[in-house]
Amino acid sequence: MHDQFDVTLEDGDLLSEVELTTTLIIAASESEEHLSQEEIDVLLGVTPRKPID
């Protein structure tokens, strides 16, 4: 018999956001200076856009 209360409470997008936030918090706490925008971008996996000609 199926248990209606046996559900997985997992949100993949939310877990990804929590992981990124945790990564930033750890990096910031280990740094003696403010993180630069470039360092933050690297931690988040952001790639710069190519200029539009």
PDB file of N, CA and C in Angstrom:
ATOM      1  N   MET A   1       0.845  -1.181   0.000  1.00  0.00           N
ATOM      2  CA  MET A   1       0.000   0.000   0.000  1.00  0.00           C
ATOM      3  C   MET A   1       0.892   1.247   0.000  1.00  0.00           C
ATOM      4  N   HIS A   2       0.523   2.244  -0.800  1.00  0.00           N
ATOM      5  CA  HIS A   2       1.297   3.482  -0.919  1.00  0.00           C
ATOM      6  C   HIS A   2       1.062   4.382   0.291  1.00  0.00           C
ATOM      7  N   ASP A   3       2.169   4.865   0.884  1.00  0.00           N
ATOM      8  CA  ASP A   3       2.082   5.787   2.018  1.00  0.00           C
ATOM      9  C   ASP A   3       2.096   7.216   1.485  1.00  0.00           C
ATOM     10  N   GLN A   4       1.002   7.937   1.619  1.00  0.00           N
ATOM     11  CA  GLN A   4       0.891   9.296   1.087  1.00  0.00           C
ATOM     12  C   GLN A   4       1.835  10.277   1.774  1.00  0.00           C
ATOM     13  N   PHE A   5       2.348   9.925   2.942  1.00  0.00           N
ATOM     14  CA  PHE A   5       3.253  10.798   3.673  1.00  0.00           C
ATOM     15  C   PHE A   5       4.723  10.472   3.402  1.00  0.00           C
ATOM     16  N   ASP A   6       4.989   9.474   2.604  1.00  0.00           N
ATOM     17  CA  ASP A   6       6.354   9.091   2.255  1.00  0.00           C
ATOM     18  C   ASP A   6       6.749   9.832   0.971  1.00  0.00           C
ATOM     19  N   VAL A   7       7.193  11.069   1.148  1.00  0.00           N
ATOM     20  CA  VAL A   7       7.563  11.902   0.002  1.00  0.00           C
ATOM     21  C   VAL A   7       8.983  12.420   0.204  1.00  0.00           C
ATOM     22  N   THR A   8       9.636  12.675  -0.893  1.00  0.00           N
ATOM     23  CA  THR A   8      10.958  13.251  -0.835  1.00  0.00           C
ATOM     24  C   THR A   8      10.822  14.763  -0.859  1.00  0.00           C
ATOM     25  N   LEU A   9      11.356  15.400   0.145  1.00  0.00           N
ATOM     26  CA  LEU A   9      11.312  16.855   0.206  1.00  0.00           C
ATOM     27  C   LEU A   9      12.670  17.385  -0.237  1.00  0.00           C
ATOM     28  N   GLU A  10      12.898  17.346  -1.527  1.00  0.00           N
ATOM     29  CA  GLU A  10      14.178  17.782  -2.065  1.00  0.00           C
ATOM     30  C   GLU A  10      13.936  18.682  -3.265  1.00  0.00           C
ATOM     31  N   ASP A  11      14.606  19.786  -3.257  1.00  0.00           N
ATOM     32  CA  ASP A  11      14.513  20.748  -4.344  1.00  0.00           C
ATOM     33  C   ASP A  11      15.927  20.930  -4.883  1.00  0.00           C
ATOM     34  N   GLY A  12      16.189  20.402  -6.060  1.00  0.00           N
ATOM     35  CA  GLY A  12      17.530  20.436  -6.637  1.00  0.00           C
ATOM     36  C   GLY A  12      18.070  21.836  -6.809  1.00  0.00           C
ATOM     37  N   ASP A  13      17.215  22.765  -7.256  1.00  0.00           N
ATOM     38  CA  ASP A  13      17.657  24.147  -7.433  1.00  0.00           C
ATOM     39  C   ASP A  13      18.036  24.774  -6.093  1.00  0.00           C
ATOM     40  N   LEU A  14      17.222  24.524  -5.088  1.00  0.00           N
ATOM     41  CA  LEU A  14      17.516  25.069  -3.764  1.00  0.00           C
ATOM     42  C   LEU A  14      18.817  24.497  -3.224  1.00  0.00           C
ATOM     43  N   LEU A  15      19.038  23.209  -3.382  1.00  0.00           N
ATOM     44  CA  LEU A  15      20.280  22.597  -2.919  1.00  0.00           C
ATOM     45  C   LEU A  15      21.489  23.205  -3.623  1.00  0.00           C
ATOM     46  N   SER A  16      21.363  23.486  -4.906  1.00  0.00           N
ATOM     47  CA  SER A  16      22.460  24.119  -5.654  1.00  0.00           C
ATOM     48  C   SER A  16      22.747  25.517  -5.116  1.00  0.00           C
ATOM     49  N   GLU A  17      21.693  26.271  -4.836  1.00  0.00           N
ATOM     50  CA  GLU A  17      21.875  27.615  -4.285  1.00  0.00           C
ATOM     51  C   GLU A  17      22.531  27.568  -2.912  1.00  0.00           C
ATOM     52  N   VAL A  18      22.128  26.623  -2.092  1.00  0.00           N
ATOM     53  CA  VAL A  18      22.721  26.489  -0.764  1.00  0.00           C
ATOM     54  C   VAL A  18      24.203  26.131  -0.893  1.00  0.00           C
ATOM     55  N   GLU A  19      24.539  25.267  -1.828  1.00  0.00           N
ATOM     56  CA  GLU A  19      25.939  24.889  -2.039  1.00  0.00           C
ATOM     57  C   GLU A  19      26.767  26.100  -2.479  1.00  0.00           C
ATOM     58  N   LEU A  20      26.244  26.902  -3.399  1.00  0.00           N
ATOM     59  CA  LEU A  20      26.969  28.095  -3.851  1.00  0.00           C
ATOM     60  C   LEU A  20      27.146  29.095  -2.707  1.00  0.00           C
ATOM     61  N   THR A  21      26.087  29.289  -1.931  1.00  0.00           N
ATOM     62  CA  THR A  21      26.160  30.208  -0.806  1.00  0.00           C
ATOM     63  C   THR A  21      27.179  29.733   0.219  1.00  0.00           C
ATOM     64  N   THR A  22      27.175  28.445   0.501  1.00  0.00           N
ATOM     65  CA  THR A  22      28.123  27.872   1.444  1.00  0.00           C
ATOM     66  C   THR A  22      29.550  28.051   0.951  1.00  0.00           C
ATOM     67  N   THR A  23      29.767  27.834  -0.339  1.00  0.00           N
ATOM     68  CA  THR A  23      31.095  28.019  -0.924  1.00  0.00           C
ATOM     69  C   THR A  23      31.570  29.460  -0.730  1.00  0.00           C
ATOM     70  N   LEU A  24      30.681  30.423  -0.976  1.00  0.00           N
ATOM     71  CA  LEU A  24      31.047  31.833  -0.792  1.00  0.00           C
ATOM     72  C   LEU A  24      31.346  32.158   0.672  1.00  0.00           C
ATOM     73  N   ILE A  25      30.535  31.634   1.572  1.00  0.00           N
ATOM     74  CA  ILE A  25      30.735  31.899   3.000  1.00  0.00           C
ATOM     75  C   ILE A  25      32.081  31.354   3.460  1.00  0.00           C
ATOM     76  N   ILE A  26      32.406  30.150   3.047  1.00  0.00           N
ATOM     77  CA  ILE A  26      33.674  29.541   3.448  1.00  0.00           C
ATOM     78  C   ILE A  26      34.847  30.328   2.877  1.00  0.00           C
ATOM     79  N   ALA A  27      34.772  30.669   1.590  1.00  0.00           N
ATOM     80  CA  ALA A  27      35.858  31.424   0.964  1.00  0.00           C
ATOM     81  C   ALA A  27      36.037  32.782   1.639  1.00  0.00           C
ATOM     82  N   ALA A  28      34.934  33.464   1.935  1.00  0.00           N
ATOM     83  CA  ALA A  28      35.013  34.769   2.583  1.00  0.00           C
ATOM     84  C   ALA A  28      35.589  34.662   3.989  1.00  0.00           C
ATOM     85  N   SER A  29      35.221  33.621   4.702  1.00  0.00           N
ATOM     86  CA  SER A  29      35.713  33.472   6.075  1.00  0.00           C
ATOM     87  C   SER A  29      37.196  33.102   6.112  1.00  0.00           C
ATOM     88  N   GLU A  30      37.699  32.495   5.047  1.00  0.00           N
ATOM     89  CA  GLU A  30      39.112  32.102   4.989  1.00  0.00           C
ATOM     90  C   GLU A  30      39.998  33.204   4.417  1.00  0.00           C
ATOM     91  N   SER A  31      39.390  34.250   3.861  1.00  0.00           N
ATOM     92  CA  SER A  31      40.142  35.328   3.233  1.00  0.00           C
ATOM     93  C   SER A  31      40.348  36.468   4.218  1.00  0.00           C
ATOM     94  N   GLU A  32      41.553  37.044   4.186  1.00  0.00           N
ATOM     95  CA  GLU A  32      41.824  38.186   5.056  1.00  0.00           C
ATOM     96  C   GLU A  32      41.332  39.492   4.434  1.00  0.00           C
ATOM     97  N   GLU A  33      41.097  39.504   3.137  1.00  0.00           N
ATOM     98  CA  GLU A  33      40.622  40.673   2.405  1.00  0.00           C
ATOM     99  C   GLU A  33      39.218  40.388   1.877  1.00  0.00           C
ATOM    100  N   HIS A  34      38.566  41.434   1.391  1.00  0.00           N
ATOM    101  CA  HIS A  34      37.297  41.233   0.694  1.00  0.00           C
ATOM    102  C   HIS A  34      37.569  40.435  -0.573  1.00  0.00           C
ATOM    103  N   LEU A  35      36.643  39.568  -0.941  1.00  0.00           N
ATOM    104  CA  LEU A  35      36.783  38.847  -2.200  1.00  0.00           C
ATOM    105  C   LEU A  35      36.521  39.806  -3.354  1.00  0.00           C
ATOM    106  N   SER A  36      37.353  39.713  -4.377  1.00  0.00           N
ATOM    107  CA  SER A  36      37.131  40.545  -5.558  1.00  0.00           C
ATOM    108  C   SER A  36      35.982  39.955  -6.369  1.00  0.00           C
ATOM    109  N   GLN A  37      35.435  40.765  -7.253  1.00  0.00           N
ATOM    110  CA  GLN A  37      34.364  40.281  -8.122  1.00  0.00           C
ATOM    111  C   GLN A  37      34.848  39.098  -8.954  1.00  0.00           C
ATOM    112  N   GLU A  38      36.096  39.148  -9.402  1.00  0.00           N
ATOM    113  CA  GLU A  38      36.655  38.055 -10.198  1.00  0.00           C
ATOM    114  C   GLU A  38      36.736  36.764  -9.378  1.00  0.00           C
ATOM    115  N   GLU A  39      37.144  36.868  -8.118  1.00  0.00           N
ATOM    116  CA  GLU A  39      37.213  35.686  -7.252  1.00  0.00           C
ATOM    117  C   GLU A  39      35.821  35.100  -7.021  1.00  0.00           C
ATOM    118  N   ILE A  40      34.857  35.970  -6.807  1.00  0.00           N
ATOM    119  CA  ILE A  40      33.481  35.510  -6.605  1.00  0.00           C
ATOM    120  C   ILE A  40      32.970  34.817  -7.860  1.00  0.00           C
ATOM    121  N   ASP A  41      33.237  35.415  -9.012  1.00  0.00           N
ATOM    122  CA  ASP A  41      32.806  34.809 -10.275  1.00  0.00           C
ATOM    123  C   ASP A  41      33.393  33.417 -10.456  1.00  0.00           C
ATOM    124  N   VAL A  42      34.666  33.257 -10.122  1.00  0.00           N
ATOM    125  CA  VAL A  42      35.317  31.937 -10.236  1.00  0.00           C
ATOM    126  C   VAL A  42      34.643  30.939  -9.301  1.00  0.00           C
ATOM    127  N   LEU A  43      34.389  31.347  -8.067  1.00  0.00           N
ATOM    128  CA  LEU A  43      33.741  30.456  -7.096  1.00  0.00           C
ATOM    129  C   LEU A  43      32.352  30.025  -7.556  1.00  0.00           C
ATOM    130  N   LEU A  44      31.641  30.945  -8.202  1.00  0.00           N
ATOM    131  CA  LEU A  44      30.282  30.650  -8.651  1.00  0.00           C
ATOM    132  C   LEU A  44      30.241  30.001 -10.031  1.00  0.00           C
ATOM    133  N   GLY A  45      31.388  29.938 -10.688  1.00  0.00           N
ATOM    134  CA  GLY A  45      31.426  29.326 -12.013  1.00  0.00           C
ATOM    135  C   GLY A  45      30.895  30.239 -13.097  1.00  0.00           C
ATOM    136  N   VAL A  46      30.954  31.547 -12.844  1.00  0.00           N
ATOM    137  CA  VAL A  46      30.467  32.520 -13.826  1.00  0.00           C
ATOM    138  C   VAL A  46      31.550  32.731 -14.876  1.00  0.00           C
ATOM    139  N   THR A  47      31.154  32.724 -16.124  1.00  0.00           N
ATOM    140  CA  THR A  47      32.095  33.015 -17.197  1.00  0.00           C
ATOM    141  C   THR A  47      31.745  34.365 -17.803  1.00  0.00           C
ATOM    142  N   PRO A  48      32.758  35.173 -18.101  1.00  0.00           N
ATOM    143  CA  PRO A  48      32.471  36.488 -18.662  1.00  0.00           C
ATOM    144  C   PRO A  48      31.849  36.397 -20.047  1.00  0.00           C
ATOM    145  N   ARG A  49      30.980  37.333 -20.315  1.00  0.00           N
ATOM    146  CA  ARG A  49      30.361  37.399 -21.648  1.00  0.00           C
ATOM    147  C   ARG A  49      31.349  37.994 -22.627  1.00  0.00           C
ATOM    148  N   LYS A  50      31.283  37.511 -23.848  1.00  0.00           N
ATOM    149  CA  LYS A  50      32.102  38.088 -24.890  1.00  0.00           C
ATOM    150  C   LYS A  50      31.409  39.356 -25.374  1.00  0.00           C
ATOM    151  N   PRO A  51      32.200  40.391 -25.646  1.00  0.00           N
ATOM    152  CA  PRO A  51      31.579  41.633 -26.127  1.00  0.00           C
ATOM    153  C   PRO A  51      30.858  41.416 -27.447  1.00  0.00           C
ATOM    154  N   ILE A  52      29.736  42.102 -27.592  1.00  0.00           N
ATOM    155  CA  ILE A  52      28.974  42.013 -28.828  1.00  0.00           C
ATOM    156  C   ILE A  52      29.525  43.062 -29.796  1.00  0.00           C
ATOM    157  N   ASP A  53      29.905  42.625 -30.983  1.00  0.00           N
ATOM    158  CA  ASP A  53      30.462  43.557 -31.987  1.00  0.00           C
ATOM    159  C   ASP A  53      29.390  44.101 -32.864  1.00  0.00           C
TER     160      ASP A  53
END
